Amino acid sequence: MEANKKWLSIPEDFRKKLIGNVRCTHCNDVVTITDFIIVDHPAGIMLDGKCKNCGNKVVRVVEDI
């Protein structure tokens, strides 16, 4: 629950940028993350989901400010 509160505290326009700026090692490119869950991470929160292009697992860590 805490991770979701942190995620929602980020302005919506910035959340959209984060969702569209995830590195996929399979595609070797910056992609959009889909079907993600938000989990706690020691540095802040982590988006754990799939690459929109190939479907492989991708993650994005969003550090606390």
N, C-alpha and C. Protein backbone atom coordinates (compact mmCIF):
# COMPACT_ATOMS: atom_id res chain seq x y z
N MET A 1 0.81 -1.20 0.00
CA MET A 1 0.00 0.00 0.00
C MET A 1 0.84 1.26 0.00
N GLU A 2 1.93 1.24 0.76
CA GLU A 2 2.80 2.41 0.84
C GLU A 2 3.38 2.77 -0.53
N ALA A 3 3.76 1.75 -1.29
CA ALA A 3 4.32 2.00 -2.62
C ALA A 3 3.30 2.70 -3.52
N ASN A 4 2.05 2.28 -3.45
CA ASN A 4 1.01 2.90 -4.27
C ASN A 4 0.78 4.36 -3.87
N LYS A 5 0.85 4.65 -2.58
CA LYS A 5 0.70 6.03 -2.11
C LYS A 5 1.83 6.90 -2.65
N LYS A 6 3.06 6.36 -2.62
CA LYS A 6 4.20 7.11 -3.16
C LYS A 6 4.00 7.37 -4.65
N TRP A 7 3.55 6.34 -5.38
CA TRP A 7 3.33 6.46 -6.82
C TRP A 7 2.30 7.54 -7.12
N LEU A 8 1.21 7.52 -6.39
CA LEU A 8 0.15 8.50 -6.63
C LEU A 8 0.53 9.91 -6.19
N SER A 9 1.55 10.03 -5.35
CA SER A 9 2.00 11.36 -4.94
C SER A 9 2.84 12.04 -6.03
N ILE A 10 3.26 11.28 -7.03
CA ILE A 10 4.01 11.84 -8.17
C ILE A 10 2.99 12.46 -9.13
N PRO A 11 3.25 13.67 -9.62
CA PRO A 11 2.30 14.30 -10.57
C PRO A 11 2.03 13.39 -11.77
N GLU A 12 0.78 13.39 -12.22
CA GLU A 12 0.35 12.48 -13.29
C GLU A 12 1.18 12.61 -14.56
N ASP A 13 1.52 13.82 -14.96
CA ASP A 13 2.31 13.99 -16.19
C ASP A 13 3.69 13.35 -16.05
N PHE A 14 4.27 13.42 -14.87
CA PHE A 14 5.58 12.81 -14.64
C PHE A 14 5.47 11.29 -14.58
N ARG A 15 4.37 10.77 -14.00
CA ARG A 15 4.15 9.31 -13.98
C ARG A 15 4.07 8.78 -15.40
N LYS A 16 3.40 9.50 -16.29
CA LYS A 16 3.29 9.07 -17.68
C LYS A 16 4.67 9.01 -18.34
N LYS A 17 5.53 9.98 -18.03
CA LYS A 17 6.88 9.98 -18.58
C LYS A 17 7.67 8.78 -18.08
N LEU A 18 7.52 8.46 -16.80
CA LEU A 18 8.22 7.30 -16.23
C LEU A 18 7.76 6.00 -16.89
N ILE A 19 6.45 5.86 -17.10
CA ILE A 19 5.90 4.66 -17.73
C ILE A 19 6.43 4.49 -19.15
N GLY A 20 6.64 5.58 -19.85
CA GLY A 20 7.12 5.53 -21.23
C GLY A 20 8.62 5.57 -21.38
N ASN A 21 9.35 5.46 -20.27
CA ASN A 21 10.81 5.58 -20.32
C ASN A 21 11.46 4.47 -19.50
N VAL A 22 11.31 3.24 -20.00
CA VAL A 22 11.84 2.06 -19.33
C VAL A 22 12.77 1.33 -20.30
N ARG A 23 13.89 0.87 -19.79
CA ARG A 23 14.88 0.18 -20.64
C ARG A 23 14.55 -1.30 -20.75
N CYS A 24 14.44 -1.80 -21.98
CA CYS A 24 14.24 -3.22 -22.24
C CYS A 24 15.54 -3.79 -22.79
N THR A 25 16.12 -4.74 -22.10
CA THR A 25 17.38 -5.32 -22.56
C THR A 25 17.17 -6.22 -23.78
N HIS A 26 15.97 -6.78 -23.93
CA HIS A 26 15.71 -7.62 -25.10
C HIS A 26 15.59 -6.78 -26.36
N CYS A 27 14.86 -5.69 -26.28
CA CYS A 27 14.69 -4.78 -27.43
C CYS A 27 15.91 -3.86 -27.60
N ASN A 28 16.71 -3.74 -26.54
CA ASN A 28 17.86 -2.85 -26.53
C ASN A 28 17.42 -1.42 -26.86
N ASP A 29 16.34 -1.01 -26.18
CA ASP A 29 15.77 0.31 -26.45
C ASP A 29 14.96 0.78 -25.24
N VAL A 30 14.57 2.04 -25.28
CA VAL A 30 13.67 2.59 -24.28
C VAL A 30 12.25 2.30 -24.75
N VAL A 31 11.43 1.74 -23.83
CA VAL A 31 10.09 1.29 -24.20
C VAL A 31 9.08 1.77 -23.16
N THR A 32 7.83 1.44 -23.40
CA THR A 32 6.75 1.68 -22.45
C THR A 32 6.51 0.40 -21.67
N ILE A 33 6.34 0.54 -20.35
CA ILE A 33 6.03 -0.60 -19.50
C ILE A 33 4.52 -0.79 -19.43
N THR A 34 4.08 -2.05 -19.52
CA THR A 34 2.65 -2.36 -19.43
C THR A 34 2.43 -3.42 -18.36
N ASP A 35 1.19 -3.61 -17.99
CA ASP A 35 0.80 -4.65 -17.03
C ASP A 35 1.70 -4.64 -15.80
N PHE A 36 1.99 -3.45 -15.29
CA PHE A 36 2.93 -3.35 -14.17
C PHE A 36 2.23 -3.29 -12.83
N ILE A 37 2.98 -3.72 -11.81
CA ILE A 37 2.56 -3.56 -10.43
C ILE A 37 3.57 -2.63 -9.77
N ILE A 38 3.17 -2.00 -8.71
CA ILE A 38 4.02 -1.06 -7.99
C ILE A 38 4.39 -1.71 -6.67
N VAL A 39 5.70 -1.84 -6.43
CA VAL A 39 6.17 -2.49 -5.21
C VAL A 39 7.19 -1.60 -4.50
N ASP A 40 7.31 -1.81 -3.19
CA ASP A 40 8.33 -1.09 -2.43
C ASP A 40 9.71 -1.54 -2.86
N HIS A 41 10.65 -0.62 -2.82
CA HIS A 41 12.05 -0.88 -3.18
C HIS A 41 12.90 -0.09 -2.20
N PRO A 42 14.07 -0.60 -1.82
CA PRO A 42 14.91 0.14 -0.87
C PRO A 42 15.20 1.59 -1.27
N ALA A 43 15.25 1.86 -2.56
CA ALA A 43 15.54 3.21 -3.04
C ALA A 43 14.28 4.06 -3.20
N GLY A 44 13.10 3.44 -3.16
CA GLY A 44 11.84 4.16 -3.35
C GLY A 44 10.73 3.20 -3.70
N ILE A 45 10.35 3.18 -5.00
CA ILE A 45 9.36 2.23 -5.49
C ILE A 45 9.86 1.64 -6.80
N MET A 46 9.25 0.52 -7.18
CA MET A 46 9.65 -0.15 -8.42
C MET A 46 8.40 -0.51 -9.21
N LEU A 47 8.44 -0.23 -10.51
CA LEU A 47 7.40 -0.67 -11.43
C LEU A 47 7.89 -1.98 -12.02
N ASP A 48 7.12 -3.04 -11.87
CA ASP A 48 7.50 -4.38 -12.32
C ASP A 48 6.46 -4.83 -13.33
N GLY A 49 6.85 -4.91 -14.61
CA GLY A 49 5.87 -5.23 -15.64
C GLY A 49 6.49 -5.82 -16.88
N LYS A 50 5.85 -5.53 -18.02
CA LYS A 50 6.25 -6.10 -19.31
C LYS A 50 6.55 -5.00 -20.32
N CYS A 51 7.45 -5.31 -21.23
CA CYS A 51 7.76 -4.43 -22.36
C CYS A 51 6.57 -4.41 -23.31
N LYS A 52 6.16 -3.22 -23.70
CA LYS A 52 5.03 -3.08 -24.63
C LYS A 52 5.35 -3.71 -25.99
N ASN A 53 6.63 -3.70 -26.38
CA ASN A 53 7.00 -4.19 -27.70
C ASN A 53 7.15 -5.70 -27.78
N CYS A 54 7.88 -6.29 -26.83
CA CYS A 54 8.20 -7.72 -26.93
C CYS A 54 7.58 -8.58 -25.83
N GLY A 55 7.08 -7.97 -24.78
CA GLY A 55 6.44 -8.72 -23.71
C GLY A 55 7.38 -9.24 -22.64
N ASN A 56 8.68 -9.04 -22.79
CA ASN A 56 9.62 -9.49 -21.76
C ASN A 56 9.48 -8.65 -20.51
N LYS A 57 9.97 -9.20 -19.40
CA LYS A 57 9.90 -8.51 -18.11
C LYS A 57 10.82 -7.29 -18.12
N VAL A 58 10.30 -6.17 -17.63
CA VAL A 58 11.09 -4.95 -17.43
C VAL A 58 10.72 -4.36 -16.08
N VAL A 59 11.65 -3.61 -15.52
CA VAL A 59 11.40 -2.92 -14.26
C VAL A 59 11.92 -1.51 -14.36
N ARG A 60 11.32 -0.64 -13.55
CA ARG A 60 11.77 0.74 -13.46
C ARG A 60 11.76 1.13 -11.99
N VAL A 61 12.93 1.53 -11.47
CA VAL A 61 13.01 1.98 -10.09
C VAL A 61 12.85 3.50 -10.08
N VAL A 62 11.97 3.97 -9.20
CA VAL A 62 11.74 5.40 -9.03
C VAL A 62 12.24 5.74 -7.63
N GLU A 63 13.33 6.48 -7.57
CA GLU A 63 13.95 6.79 -6.29
C GLU A 63 13.18 7.86 -5.54
N ASP A 64 13.21 7.72 -4.20
CA ASP A 64 12.63 8.77 -3.35
C ASP A 64 13.45 10.03 -3.52
N ILE A 65 12.77 11.16 -3.43
CA ILE A 65 13.46 12.44 -3.54
C ILE A 65 13.73 12.99 -2.16
